[in-house]
Amino acid sequence: MGLAGHPRLSHRLRGDDPVLRCRDPYEGAAAKALGGADISFFIGLPVAGILYYLFSRSLDVAAETRVAEAEAAELDSTAAEPNPL
């Protein structure tokens, strides 16, 4: 049985997925006031930036740099060894 014959996937392949079919989409009050404009980018980008800043304050950059330099040195030393094959 192929994917098209699978009962759970066949309606999605045909394009009539009931989850994706929305007859009456919800439009909030802010979108109605803006004439249906989508401003999620202008809200989401600053919120994501602020959250990134708050969560990244605890990173120890000096320790991360030491680990990266140690791994680079290890890679360089193993690359210099001859291949036994």
N, C-alpha and C. Protein backbone atom coordinates (compact mmCIF):
# COMPACT_ATOMS: atom_id res chain seq x y z
N MET A 1 0.85 -1.16 0.00
CA MET A 1 0.00 0.00 0.00
C MET A 1 0.90 1.23 0.00
N GLY A 2 0.71 2.13 -0.95
CA GLY A 2 1.48 3.36 -1.04
C GLY A 2 0.93 4.41 -0.08
N LEU A 3 1.57 5.56 -0.10
CA LEU A 3 1.11 6.63 0.78
C LEU A 3 -0.29 7.10 0.42
N ALA A 4 -0.59 7.10 -0.88
CA ALA A 4 -1.92 7.58 -1.30
C ALA A 4 -3.02 6.64 -0.83
N GLY A 5 -2.70 5.37 -0.58
CA GLY A 5 -3.69 4.43 -0.11
C GLY A 5 -3.86 4.42 1.39
N HIS A 6 -2.99 5.10 2.09
CA HIS A 6 -3.07 5.13 3.54
C HIS A 6 -4.25 6.01 3.94
N PRO A 7 -5.14 5.51 4.79
CA PRO A 7 -6.37 6.26 5.09
C PRO A 7 -6.12 7.59 5.79
N ARG A 8 -5.05 7.71 6.57
CA ARG A 8 -4.81 8.96 7.28
C ARG A 8 -4.11 10.00 6.41
N LEU A 9 -3.45 9.56 5.34
CA LEU A 9 -2.69 10.49 4.51
C LEU A 9 -3.41 10.85 3.21
N SER A 10 -4.34 10.02 2.79
CA SER A 10 -4.93 10.22 1.47
C SER A 10 -5.67 11.55 1.36
N HIS A 11 -6.38 11.97 2.40
CA HIS A 11 -7.12 13.23 2.31
C HIS A 11 -6.16 14.42 2.26
N ARG A 12 -4.97 14.29 2.87
CA ARG A 12 -4.00 15.38 2.81
C ARG A 12 -3.37 15.46 1.43
N LEU A 13 -3.13 14.32 0.81
CA LEU A 13 -2.56 14.33 -0.53
C LEU A 13 -3.55 14.87 -1.55
N ARG A 14 -4.84 14.67 -1.30
CA ARG A 14 -5.87 15.18 -2.22
C ARG A 14 -6.10 16.68 -2.01
N GLY A 15 -5.66 17.21 -0.87
CA GLY A 15 -5.81 18.63 -0.61
C GLY A 15 -7.09 18.99 0.11
N ASP A 16 -7.78 18.03 0.66
CA ASP A 16 -9.02 18.35 1.37
C ASP A 16 -8.91 18.02 2.85
N ASP A 17 -7.79 18.41 3.44
CA ASP A 17 -7.56 18.20 4.86
C ASP A 17 -8.50 19.12 5.65
N PRO A 18 -9.33 18.56 6.52
CA PRO A 18 -10.26 19.40 7.27
C PRO A 18 -9.58 20.40 8.19
N VAL A 19 -8.35 20.12 8.61
CA VAL A 19 -7.63 21.05 9.47
C VAL A 19 -7.22 22.29 8.67
N LEU A 20 -6.81 22.09 7.43
CA LEU A 20 -6.35 23.19 6.60
C LEU A 20 -7.50 23.96 5.96
N ARG A 21 -8.67 23.39 5.95
CA ARG A 21 -9.83 24.01 5.31
C ARG A 21 -10.55 24.87 6.36
N CYS A 22 -10.42 26.15 6.26
CA CYS A 22 -11.01 27.06 7.23
C CYS A 22 -12.02 27.94 6.51
N ARG A 23 -13.28 27.71 6.74
CA ARG A 23 -14.31 28.45 6.02
C ARG A 23 -14.51 29.86 6.58
N ASP A 24 -14.31 30.03 7.87
CA ASP A 24 -14.55 31.32 8.50
C ASP A 24 -13.31 31.70 9.31
N PRO A 25 -12.29 32.28 8.66
CA PRO A 25 -11.07 32.60 9.41
C PRO A 25 -11.33 33.70 10.44
N TYR A 26 -10.66 33.57 11.56
CA TYR A 26 -10.81 34.55 12.63
C TYR A 26 -9.94 35.76 12.31
N GLU A 27 -10.49 36.93 12.43
CA GLU A 27 -9.74 38.16 12.25
C GLU A 27 -9.96 38.99 13.51
N GLY A 28 -8.87 39.26 14.20
CA GLY A 28 -8.96 39.98 15.46
C GLY A 28 -9.30 41.45 15.28
N ALA A 29 -9.55 42.12 16.40
CA ALA A 29 -9.94 43.53 16.38
C ALA A 29 -8.82 44.41 15.84
N ALA A 30 -7.56 44.10 16.20
CA ALA A 30 -6.45 44.91 15.71
C ALA A 30 -6.29 44.78 14.21
N ALA A 31 -6.42 43.57 13.68
CA ALA A 31 -6.31 43.36 12.24
C ALA A 31 -7.46 44.04 11.50
N LYS A 32 -8.64 44.01 12.07
CA LYS A 32 -9.77 44.70 11.44
C LYS A 32 -9.53 46.20 11.42
N ALA A 33 -9.00 46.74 12.51
CA ALA A 33 -8.73 48.18 12.57
C ALA A 33 -7.65 48.59 11.58
N LEU A 34 -6.72 47.67 11.28
CA LEU A 34 -5.65 47.96 10.33
C LEU A 34 -6.00 47.54 8.91
N GLY A 35 -7.24 47.20 8.67
CA GLY A 35 -7.66 46.80 7.34
C GLY A 35 -7.18 45.42 6.94
N GLY A 36 -6.97 44.55 7.91
CA GLY A 36 -6.55 43.18 7.62
C GLY A 36 -5.05 43.02 7.50
N ALA A 37 -4.28 44.04 7.82
CA ALA A 37 -2.82 43.98 7.71
C ALA A 37 -2.26 42.99 8.72
N ASP A 38 -1.22 42.28 8.31
CA ASP A 38 -0.55 41.32 9.18
C ASP A 38 0.67 41.99 9.77
N ILE A 39 0.63 42.28 11.05
CA ILE A 39 1.74 42.97 11.71
C ILE A 39 2.51 42.02 12.63
N SER A 40 2.34 40.73 12.45
CA SER A 40 2.98 39.77 13.35
C SER A 40 4.50 39.87 13.30
N PHE A 41 5.06 40.21 12.13
CA PHE A 41 6.51 40.35 12.02
C PHE A 41 7.01 41.47 12.92
N PHE A 42 6.27 42.58 12.95
CA PHE A 42 6.71 43.73 13.72
C PHE A 42 6.52 43.53 15.22
N ILE A 43 5.71 42.56 15.59
CA ILE A 43 5.55 42.21 16.99
C ILE A 43 6.52 41.08 17.35
N GLY A 44 6.58 40.07 16.51
CA GLY A 44 7.37 38.88 16.80
C GLY A 44 8.87 39.12 16.82
N LEU A 45 9.38 39.94 15.90
CA LEU A 45 10.82 40.17 15.85
C LEU A 45 11.35 40.86 17.10
N PRO A 46 10.75 41.95 17.56
CA PRO A 46 11.25 42.55 18.81
C PRO A 46 11.08 41.64 20.03
N VAL A 47 9.98 40.91 20.09
CA VAL A 47 9.78 39.99 21.22
C VAL A 47 10.85 38.91 21.21
N ALA A 48 11.13 38.34 20.03
CA ALA A 48 12.17 37.31 19.93
C ALA A 48 13.54 37.88 20.28
N GLY A 49 13.82 39.10 19.85
CA GLY A 49 15.10 39.72 20.16
C GLY A 49 15.27 39.97 21.65
N ILE A 50 14.22 40.43 22.29
CA ILE A 50 14.29 40.68 23.74
C ILE A 50 14.47 39.36 24.49
N LEU A 51 13.74 38.33 24.10
CA LEU A 51 13.89 37.03 24.76
C LEU A 51 15.28 36.45 24.54
N TYR A 52 15.82 36.60 23.32
CA TYR A 52 17.17 36.12 23.05
C TYR A 52 18.18 36.84 23.95
N TYR A 53 18.02 38.14 24.07
CA TYR A 53 18.92 38.91 24.92
C TYR A 53 18.84 38.45 26.38
N LEU A 54 17.63 38.26 26.87
CA LEU A 54 17.45 37.87 28.27
C LEU A 54 18.03 36.48 28.54
N PHE A 55 17.82 35.55 27.61
CA PHE A 55 18.30 34.18 27.84
C PHE A 55 19.79 34.02 27.55
N SER A 56 20.38 34.90 26.76
CA SER A 56 21.79 34.75 26.41
C SER A 56 22.72 35.51 27.36
N ARG A 57 22.16 36.25 28.31
CA ARG A 57 23.01 36.98 29.25
C ARG A 57 23.81 36.05 30.13
N SER A 58 23.36 34.85 30.35
CA SER A 58 24.05 33.93 31.25
C SER A 58 25.15 33.14 30.54
N LEU A 59 25.37 33.35 29.25
CA LEU A 59 26.41 32.62 28.54
C LEU A 59 27.79 33.12 28.97
N ASP A 60 28.70 32.19 29.18
CA ASP A 60 30.08 32.53 29.52
C ASP A 60 30.88 32.46 28.22
N VAL A 61 31.06 33.61 27.57
CA VAL A 61 31.70 33.65 26.27
C VAL A 61 33.16 33.22 26.36
N ALA A 62 33.85 33.58 27.41
CA ALA A 62 35.26 33.19 27.56
C ALA A 62 35.39 31.67 27.64
N ALA A 63 34.51 31.02 28.39
CA ALA A 63 34.55 29.56 28.51
C ALA A 63 34.21 28.91 27.17
N GLU A 64 33.23 29.46 26.47
CA GLU A 64 32.87 28.93 25.16
C GLU A 64 34.03 29.06 24.17
N THR A 65 34.76 30.17 24.24
CA THR A 65 35.91 30.38 23.36
C THR A 65 37.02 29.38 23.68
N ARG A 66 37.27 29.12 24.96
CA ARG A 66 38.29 28.13 25.34
C ARG A 66 37.92 26.75 24.82
N VAL A 67 36.67 26.36 24.92
CA VAL A 67 36.23 25.06 24.44
C VAL A 67 36.40 24.97 22.92
N ALA A 68 36.02 26.02 22.21
CA ALA A 68 36.14 26.03 20.75
C ALA A 68 37.59 25.94 20.32
N GLU A 69 38.49 26.66 21.01
CA GLU A 69 39.92 26.61 20.68
C GLU A 69 40.50 25.24 20.97
N ALA A 70 40.10 24.60 22.07
CA ALA A 70 40.58 23.26 22.40
C ALA A 70 40.11 22.25 21.37
N GLU A 71 38.86 22.36 20.92
CA GLU A 71 38.36 21.44 19.91
C GLU A 71 39.05 21.67 18.57
N ALA A 72 39.33 22.91 18.23
CA ALA A 72 40.04 23.20 16.98
C ALA A 72 41.45 22.63 17.02
N ALA A 73 42.12 22.75 18.17
CA ALA A 73 43.47 22.20 18.31
C ALA A 73 43.43 20.67 18.19
N GLU A 74 42.42 20.05 18.78
CA GLU A 74 42.29 18.59 18.69
C GLU A 74 42.04 18.16 17.26
N LEU A 75 41.21 18.89 16.53
CA LEU A 75 40.97 18.56 15.13
C LEU A 75 42.24 18.73 14.29
N ASP A 76 43.00 19.78 14.57
CA ASP A 76 44.24 19.99 13.83
C ASP A 76 45.24 18.88 14.10
N SER A 77 45.32 18.40 15.34
CA SER A 77 46.28 17.35 15.67
C SER A 77 45.88 16.02 15.05
N THR A 78 44.58 15.74 14.99
CA THR A 78 44.16 14.47 14.36
C THR A 78 44.25 14.55 12.86
N ALA A 79 44.15 15.74 12.27
CA ALA A 79 44.26 15.89 10.83
C ALA A 79 45.70 15.70 10.38
N ALA A 80 46.66 15.99 11.27
CA ALA A 80 48.07 15.87 10.92
C ALA A 80 48.54 14.42 10.96
N GLU A 81 47.83 13.55 11.65
CA GLU A 81 48.22 12.15 11.74
C GLU A 81 47.95 11.46 10.40
N PRO A 82 48.85 10.53 9.99
CA PRO A 82 48.62 9.81 8.73
C PRO A 82 47.43 8.86 8.84
N ASN A 83 46.74 8.68 7.75
CA ASN A 83 45.58 7.77 7.71
C ASN A 83 46.09 6.33 7.61
N PRO A 84 45.68 5.44 8.53
CA PRO A 84 46.20 4.06 8.53
C PRO A 84 45.65 3.24 7.36
N LEU A 85 44.65 3.70 6.68
CA LEU A 85 44.09 2.93 5.57
C LEU A 85 44.82 3.25 4.36
